[in-house]
Amino acid sequence: MIPFRRLHFRHAPSREGLGSVGGIALVAATALAMMLAACSRGGDDDRAPQPGDRQVAKVQDQIIWASDVKREAVAQGLVGEGEPLDVTSELFRRVLDEVVDQKLLAREAERRRLDASPLAQRRLEATRERILGDMLVESVVNGAISDQAIQTLYNEQLRLAKTSEEIRVRLILSRTKPEADAVIGILGQGASFEAVAMERSIDEATRFSGGDLGYSTLDVMPQAYAGALRDKPAGSTVGPFQTEGGWAVLRVEDRRKENPPTLEQARPQIVRYLTYEGVRRLLEQLRDKAKVDILLPGGSGAGDEEPASAPSAGLTRPAPAPAPPSASDTPLSPAA
């Protein structure tokens, strides 16, 4: 028996595509971005692309900057956007070699005039559009994710949160009902629940911790456990009752109200939610302004469905002002 676990502050899973902000970009797009830069930037441009940047290599007449290597490392998920990458590190040198290889491949492709074909032009233009789209998303969405916005949504979620009661439980699991009945008899004689669990429980995950399952709420417990524990006060012994793993005897150690997560615990998910909401609103605005015709059977337009980069239910989505967020969605789930 694995101790019950509760997911706190439930959220939408990560999506790919335009939802990538804060440096989370598509690896292929970034690699091709460097190829595009190689095609467009002159070799005599030795101006640093950003303050404090430094030249780390030169391929024929083209300069490779430390920021080029860092961008590639971020795209590959080797470092985070805000993490430093020491130019003397082995990782930096390895990624630098890859960037050099990319430039050599791009130069050779140009020499063979592979970039002149209609297919190559379409692929290069598609990559350019992806990069520009990511840059727009980063500039618009990141500007809207302020400490004040995070605090406001956190307070809003706290207001909507439905706190549940947590129960701390100990377990003694037996193979058969007669064995479980024997456990009840031993406990009735005054034996320590923890000692009996260590001696007799067949649940290896909790046996040597005295059967301790920790705190959890009824909604995440198996149905048999939740039904048996629903109205039992602290200090109660419950069972035996049959479960998938055998016959269970439980002891209710404590009951308490859940505590909501702190702002810092909730911050990463709030940032993701605000990011996706920003992307969704941006795409809705752009779709409303643009004329889009879907040239497929039954396709009347692109504005009838929610953008693919919008988040699924997780945080309670705030309704348009001044209406409050809908309480029907999953609110901020309290944390242990």
Protein backbone atom coordinates (compact mmCIF):
# COMPACT_ATOMS: atom_id res chain seq x y z
CA MET A 1 0.00 0.00 0.00
CA ILE A 2 1.50 3.32 -1.10
CA PRO A 3 0.58 6.20 1.25
CA PHE A 4 -2.20 8.37 -0.06
CA ARG A 5 -1.08 11.39 -2.03
CA ARG A 6 -2.97 14.57 -2.79
CA LEU A 7 -2.24 16.89 -5.68
CA HIS A 8 -2.13 20.42 -4.36
CA PHE A 9 -3.08 23.43 -6.43
CA ARG A 10 -4.14 21.41 -9.46
CA HIS A 11 -3.21 22.87 -12.81
CA ALA A 12 -3.39 22.37 -16.52
CA PRO A 13 -0.63 20.29 -18.10
CA SER A 14 2.03 22.05 -20.12
CA ARG A 15 1.26 22.68 -23.77
CA GLU A 16 3.66 23.08 -26.66
CA GLY A 17 3.62 25.78 -29.29
CA LEU A 18 2.83 29.44 -28.75
CA GLY A 19 2.35 28.80 -25.05
CA SER A 20 6.12 28.64 -24.65
CA VAL A 21 7.37 31.78 -22.94
CA GLY A 22 10.21 32.81 -20.72
CA GLY A 23 12.79 31.04 -22.83
CA ILE A 24 10.91 27.76 -23.25
CA ALA A 25 11.17 27.58 -27.04
CA LEU A 26 11.08 24.84 -29.59
CA VAL A 27 14.50 23.29 -30.07
CA ALA A 28 14.13 22.94 -33.80
CA ALA A 29 12.96 26.51 -34.20
CA THR A 30 15.90 27.82 -32.23
CA ALA A 31 18.38 25.79 -34.24
CA LEU A 32 16.93 27.06 -37.48
CA ALA A 33 16.85 30.57 -36.04
CA MET A 34 20.61 30.45 -35.83
CA MET A 35 20.72 29.30 -39.42
CA LEU A 36 18.53 32.26 -40.39
CA ALA A 37 20.86 34.56 -38.50
CA ALA A 38 23.78 33.06 -40.38
CA CYS A 39 22.05 33.85 -43.65
CA SER A 40 21.26 37.45 -42.76
CA ARG A 41 23.99 38.82 -40.50
CA GLY A 42 27.18 40.09 -42.01
CA GLY A 43 30.51 38.71 -40.88
CA ASP A 44 31.94 42.15 -40.10
CA ASP A 45 29.25 42.91 -37.50
CA ASP A 46 31.24 42.65 -34.30
CA ARG A 47 28.77 44.57 -32.14
CA ALA A 48 27.65 42.62 -29.07
CA PRO A 49 23.98 41.59 -29.44
CA GLN A 50 23.41 42.32 -25.75
CA PRO A 51 25.32 44.12 -22.98
CA GLY A 52 28.16 42.11 -21.48
CA ASP A 53 28.17 39.56 -24.31
CA ARG A 54 31.48 38.23 -25.56
CA GLN A 55 32.83 36.59 -28.68
CA VAL A 56 33.57 32.91 -28.14
CA ALA A 57 34.30 31.63 -31.66
CA LYS A 58 34.39 32.61 -35.31
CA VAL A 59 33.33 30.42 -38.23
CA GLN A 60 35.04 31.87 -41.28
CA ASP A 61 33.83 35.49 -41.05
CA GLN A 62 30.91 34.88 -38.70
CA ILE A 63 31.11 35.55 -34.97
CA ILE A 64 29.55 33.25 -32.40
CA TRP A 65 28.60 35.02 -29.20
CA ALA A 66 28.24 33.57 -25.71
CA SER A 67 24.54 34.45 -25.87
CA ASP A 68 24.18 32.26 -28.99
CA VAL A 69 25.52 29.30 -27.06
CA LYS A 70 23.35 30.07 -24.02
CA ARG A 71 20.24 30.29 -26.20
CA GLU A 72 20.99 26.90 -27.73
CA ALA A 73 21.56 25.37 -24.27
CA VAL A 74 18.23 26.75 -23.06
CA ALA A 75 16.45 25.45 -26.18
CA GLN A 76 17.82 21.98 -25.51
CA GLY A 77 16.71 22.14 -21.88
CA LEU A 78 20.28 21.89 -20.61
CA VAL A 79 19.97 25.05 -18.50
CA GLY A 80 17.11 27.28 -17.43
CA GLU A 81 16.50 30.71 -18.90
CA GLY A 82 17.64 32.44 -15.74
CA GLU A 83 20.55 30.12 -14.97
CA PRO A 84 24.14 31.15 -15.67
CA LEU A 85 26.28 29.19 -18.12
CA ASP A 86 30.00 29.53 -17.46
CA VAL A 87 31.95 29.93 -20.70
CA THR A 88 34.74 27.80 -19.20
CA SER A 89 32.44 24.88 -18.38
CA GLU A 90 32.44 21.57 -20.22
CA LEU A 91 28.74 22.04 -21.03
CA PHE A 92 29.39 25.41 -22.67
CA ARG A 93 32.16 23.94 -24.81
CA ARG A 94 29.97 21.03 -25.88
CA VAL A 95 27.10 23.30 -26.90
CA LEU A 96 29.55 25.67 -28.59
CA ASP A 97 30.76 22.78 -30.75
CA GLU A 98 27.15 22.10 -31.73
CA VAL A 99 26.60 25.74 -32.65
CA VAL A 100 29.75 25.67 -34.78
CA ASP A 101 28.45 22.54 -36.51
CA GLN A 102 25.11 24.24 -37.17
CA LYS A 103 26.83 27.19 -38.82
CA LEU A 104 29.02 24.91 -40.93
CA LEU A 105 25.97 22.96 -42.07
CA ALA A 106 24.12 26.19 -42.88
CA ARG A 107 27.07 27.51 -44.89
CA GLU A 108 27.34 24.28 -46.84
CA ALA A 109 23.59 24.32 -47.52
CA GLU A 110 23.96 27.87 -48.87
CA ARG A 111 26.94 26.85 -51.01
CA ARG A 112 24.81 24.13 -52.56
CA ARG A 113 21.98 26.67 -52.96
CA LEU A 114 19.60 24.47 -51.02
CA ASP A 115 18.12 27.60 -49.47
CA ALA A 116 16.92 28.79 -52.88
CA SER A 117 14.33 26.06 -53.44
CA PRO A 118 10.63 26.85 -52.86
CA LEU A 119 10.44 24.16 -50.17
CA ALA A 120 13.41 25.64 -48.30
CA GLN A 121 11.92 29.12 -48.52
CA ARG A 122 8.62 27.91 -47.08
CA ARG A 123 10.37 26.12 -44.23
CA LEU A 124 12.57 29.12 -43.47
CA GLU A 125 9.57 31.43 -43.49
CA ALA A 126 7.62 29.08 -41.20
CA THR A 127 10.54 29.07 -38.78
CA ARG A 128 10.79 32.85 -38.92
CA GLU A 129 7.08 33.13 -38.11
CA ARG A 130 7.40 30.77 -35.16
CA ILE A 131 10.28 32.78 -33.75
CA LEU A 132 8.48 36.09 -34.22
CA GLY A 133 5.38 34.60 -32.62
CA ASP A 134 7.38 33.46 -29.60
CA MET A 135 8.97 36.89 -29.31
CA LEU A 136 5.55 38.57 -29.40
CA VAL A 137 4.19 36.21 -26.77
CA GLU A 138 7.18 36.82 -24.53
CA SER A 139 6.92 40.59 -24.80
CA VAL A 140 3.14 40.77 -24.30
CA VAL A 141 2.62 38.04 -21.72
CA ASN A 142 5.72 38.55 -19.63
CA GLY A 143 4.86 42.22 -19.32
CA ALA A 144 1.51 41.27 -17.81
CA ILE A 145 2.88 38.82 -15.22
CA SER A 146 3.70 41.13 -12.34
CA ASP A 147 3.98 40.45 -8.64
CA GLN A 148 0.69 42.31 -8.23
CA ALA A 149 -1.07 40.08 -10.78
CA ILE A 150 0.28 36.97 -9.05
CA GLN A 151 -0.83 38.23 -5.63
CA THR A 152 -4.29 39.15 -6.93
CA LEU A 153 -4.92 35.73 -8.44
CA TYR A 154 -3.57 34.02 -5.33
CA ASN A 155 -5.98 35.98 -3.12
CA GLU A 156 -8.81 35.20 -5.53
CA GLN A 157 -8.06 31.49 -5.41
CA LEU A 158 -7.88 31.52 -1.62
CA ARG A 159 -11.34 33.07 -1.54
CA LEU A 160 -12.71 30.33 -3.78
CA ALA A 161 -10.84 27.47 -2.16
CA LYS A 162 -12.93 24.79 -0.49
CA THR A 163 -10.93 23.50 2.43
CA SER A 164 -11.32 19.84 3.29
CA GLU A 165 -10.50 17.88 6.40
CA GLU A 166 -7.32 15.84 6.49
CA ILE A 167 -7.13 12.57 8.35
CA ARG A 168 -3.96 10.94 9.62
CA VAL A 169 -4.33 7.17 9.53
CA ARG A 170 -2.31 4.10 10.51
CA LEU A 171 -2.80 0.77 8.76
CA ILE A 172 -2.40 -2.89 9.61
CA LEU A 173 -2.96 -5.02 6.52
CA SER A 174 -3.61 -8.77 6.82
CA ARG A 175 -3.98 -11.48 4.19
CA THR A 176 -7.16 -13.03 5.61
CA LYS A 177 -10.10 -11.97 7.76
CA PRO A 178 -9.19 -14.38 10.61
CA GLU A 179 -5.75 -12.75 10.75
CA ALA A 180 -7.36 -9.30 10.81
CA ASP A 181 -9.77 -10.42 13.56
CA ALA A 182 -6.76 -11.59 15.55
CA VAL A 183 -5.24 -8.12 15.16
CA ILE A 184 -8.42 -6.57 16.58
CA GLY A 185 -8.20 -8.95 19.54
CA ILE A 186 -4.59 -8.03 20.25
CA LEU A 187 -5.38 -4.31 20.05
CA GLY A 188 -8.32 -4.83 22.36
CA GLN A 189 -5.93 -6.18 24.97
CA GLY A 190 -4.10 -2.85 24.97
CA ALA A 191 -1.29 -3.54 22.53
CA SER A 192 0.29 -0.59 20.72
CA PHE A 193 -1.07 -0.15 17.19
CA GLU A 194 2.39 0.82 15.95
CA ALA A 195 3.99 -2.28 17.47
CA VAL A 196 1.36 -4.61 16.04
CA ALA A 197 1.73 -2.98 12.61
CA MET A 198 5.49 -3.54 12.64
CA GLU A 199 5.02 -7.16 13.68
CA ARG A 200 2.00 -8.28 11.66
CA SER A 201 1.21 -5.90 8.77
CA ILE A 202 1.97 -7.24 5.29
CA ASP A 203 2.14 -3.72 3.84
CA GLU A 204 5.87 -3.27 3.37
CA ALA A 205 5.52 0.42 2.47
CA THR A 206 4.19 1.37 5.92
CA ARG A 207 4.99 -1.56 8.17
CA PHE A 208 8.25 -0.25 9.59
CA SER A 209 6.78 3.20 10.23
CA GLY A 210 4.09 1.70 12.45
CA GLY A 211 1.56 1.66 9.61
CA ASP A 212 1.61 5.44 9.23
CA LEU A 213 -0.13 6.57 6.03
CA GLY A 214 0.28 10.26 6.85
CA TYR A 215 -2.36 12.92 6.26
CA SER A 216 -4.75 12.77 3.34
CA THR A 217 -8.32 13.68 2.49
CA LEU A 218 -11.24 11.36 1.85
CA ASP A 219 -11.51 12.34 -1.81
CA VAL A 220 -8.09 10.88 -2.65
CA MET A 221 -8.46 7.67 -0.65
CA PRO A 222 -9.62 4.36 -2.10
CA GLN A 223 -13.39 4.09 -1.75
CA ALA A 224 -13.21 1.35 0.88
CA TYR A 225 -10.97 3.48 3.11
CA ALA A 226 -13.00 6.65 2.61
CA GLY A 227 -16.26 4.89 3.45
CA ALA A 228 -14.85 3.33 6.61
CA LEU A 229 -13.27 6.55 7.88
CA ARG A 230 -15.89 9.13 6.96
CA ASP A 231 -17.38 9.77 10.41
CA LYS A 232 -14.75 8.26 12.67
CA PRO A 233 -13.21 10.58 15.29
CA ALA A 234 -9.55 10.67 16.25
CA GLY A 235 -8.62 7.67 18.39
CA SER A 236 -11.02 5.30 16.62
CA THR A 237 -10.02 1.84 15.44
CA VAL A 238 -11.78 0.89 12.21
CA GLY A 239 -12.18 -2.51 10.60
CA PRO A 240 -11.44 -5.06 9.59
CA PHE A 241 -12.75 -4.50 6.07
CA GLN A 242 -11.66 -5.97 2.75
CA THR A 243 -9.52 -4.04 0.27
CA GLU A 244 -7.71 -4.96 -2.93
CA GLY A 245 -4.55 -5.75 -0.97
CA GLY A 246 -6.10 -7.72 1.87
CA TRP A 247 -8.00 -7.01 5.09
CA ALA A 248 -7.41 -3.60 6.63
CA VAL A 249 -7.53 -2.39 10.20
CA LEU A 250 -7.12 1.38 10.58
CA ARG A 251 -6.53 3.75 13.44
CA VAL A 252 -7.51 7.41 13.15
CA GLU A 253 -4.62 9.38 14.64
CA ASP A 254 -5.80 12.92 13.94
CA ARG A 255 -8.27 15.05 11.98
CA ARG A 256 -7.48 18.60 10.94
CA LYS A 257 -8.40 21.27 8.42
CA GLU A 258 -6.18 21.53 5.36
CA ASN A 259 -3.86 24.49 5.04
CA PRO A 260 -3.73 26.31 1.69
CA PRO A 261 -0.37 26.58 -0.08
CA THR A 262 1.70 29.67 0.52
CA LEU A 263 2.14 32.28 -2.19
CA GLU A 264 5.63 30.99 -2.96
CA GLN A 265 4.38 27.40 -3.24
CA ALA A 266 1.60 28.50 -5.59
CA ARG A 267 3.64 31.01 -7.61
CA PRO A 268 4.94 28.62 -10.36
CA GLN A 269 1.44 27.42 -11.20
CA ILE A 270 -0.02 30.92 -11.05
CA VAL A 271 2.66 32.10 -13.49
CA ARG A 272 1.83 29.23 -15.87
CA TYR A 273 -1.87 30.01 -15.62
CA LEU A 274 -1.39 33.72 -16.26
CA THR A 275 0.88 32.87 -19.17
CA TYR A 276 -1.70 30.68 -20.88
CA GLU A 277 -4.47 33.14 -20.17
CA GLY A 278 -2.37 35.90 -21.73
CA VAL A 279 -1.73 33.78 -24.82
CA ARG A 280 -5.40 32.88 -25.08
CA ARG A 281 -6.52 36.52 -24.90
CA LEU A 282 -3.85 37.61 -27.38
CA LEU A 283 -4.90 34.96 -29.89
CA GLU A 284 -8.57 35.81 -29.45
CA GLN A 285 -7.83 39.47 -30.21
CA LEU A 286 -5.77 38.58 -33.27
CA ARG A 287 -8.39 36.16 -34.59
CA ASP A 288 -11.13 38.76 -34.13
CA LYS A 289 -9.18 41.28 -36.21
CA ALA A 290 -8.01 38.92 -38.96
CA LYS A 291 -9.92 37.40 -41.83
CA VAL A 292 -9.25 33.67 -41.66
CA ASP A 293 -10.84 31.21 -44.08
CA ILE A 294 -10.39 27.47 -43.56
CA LEU A 295 -10.28 25.95 -47.04
CA LEU A 296 -11.45 22.51 -45.98
CA PRO A 297 -14.88 20.87 -46.23
CA GLY A 298 -17.07 22.26 -43.46
CA GLY A 299 -14.52 24.91 -42.45
CA SER A 300 -16.16 28.30 -42.05
CA GLY A 301 -13.48 30.08 -40.04
CA ALA A 302 -10.86 29.80 -37.37
CA GLY A 303 -12.55 31.78 -34.65
CA ASP A 304 -15.21 29.26 -33.61
CA GLU A 305 -13.02 27.23 -31.29
CA GLU A 306 -10.84 28.15 -28.33
CA PRO A 307 -7.18 28.58 -29.35
CA ALA A 308 -5.16 25.42 -28.92
CA SER A 309 -2.75 27.18 -26.61
CA ALA A 310 -5.41 28.05 -24.06
CA PRO A 311 -5.20 26.15 -20.77
CA SER A 312 -7.53 23.36 -19.78
CA ALA A 313 -9.36 23.53 -16.46
CA GLY A 314 -7.10 23.70 -13.47
CA LEU A 315 -7.01 26.97 -11.68
CA THR A 316 -10.36 28.61 -11.45
CA ARG A 317 -10.46 30.79 -14.54
CA PRO A 318 -11.40 34.39 -13.70
CA ALA A 319 -14.52 35.54 -15.51
CA PRO A 320 -14.53 38.82 -17.45
CA ALA A 321 -14.49 41.79 -15.09
CA PRO A 322 -16.33 42.71 -12.98
CA ALA A 323 -17.83 39.24 -12.52
CA PRO A 324 -15.95 37.02 -10.04
CA PRO A 325 -14.23 33.78 -11.09
CA SER A 326 -16.48 30.80 -11.57
CA ALA A 327 -16.54 28.52 -8.54
CA SER A 328 -17.43 25.55 -10.72
CA ASP A 329 -13.87 25.05 -11.87
CA THR A 330 -11.26 23.41 -9.68
CA PRO A 331 -10.11 26.04 -7.17
CA LEU A 332 -6.89 26.41 -5.32
CA SER A 333 -6.42 23.08 -3.60
CA PRO A 334 -5.14 23.44 -0.04
CA ALA A 335 -1.73 22.03 0.78
CA ALA A 336 -0.59 19.94 3.68
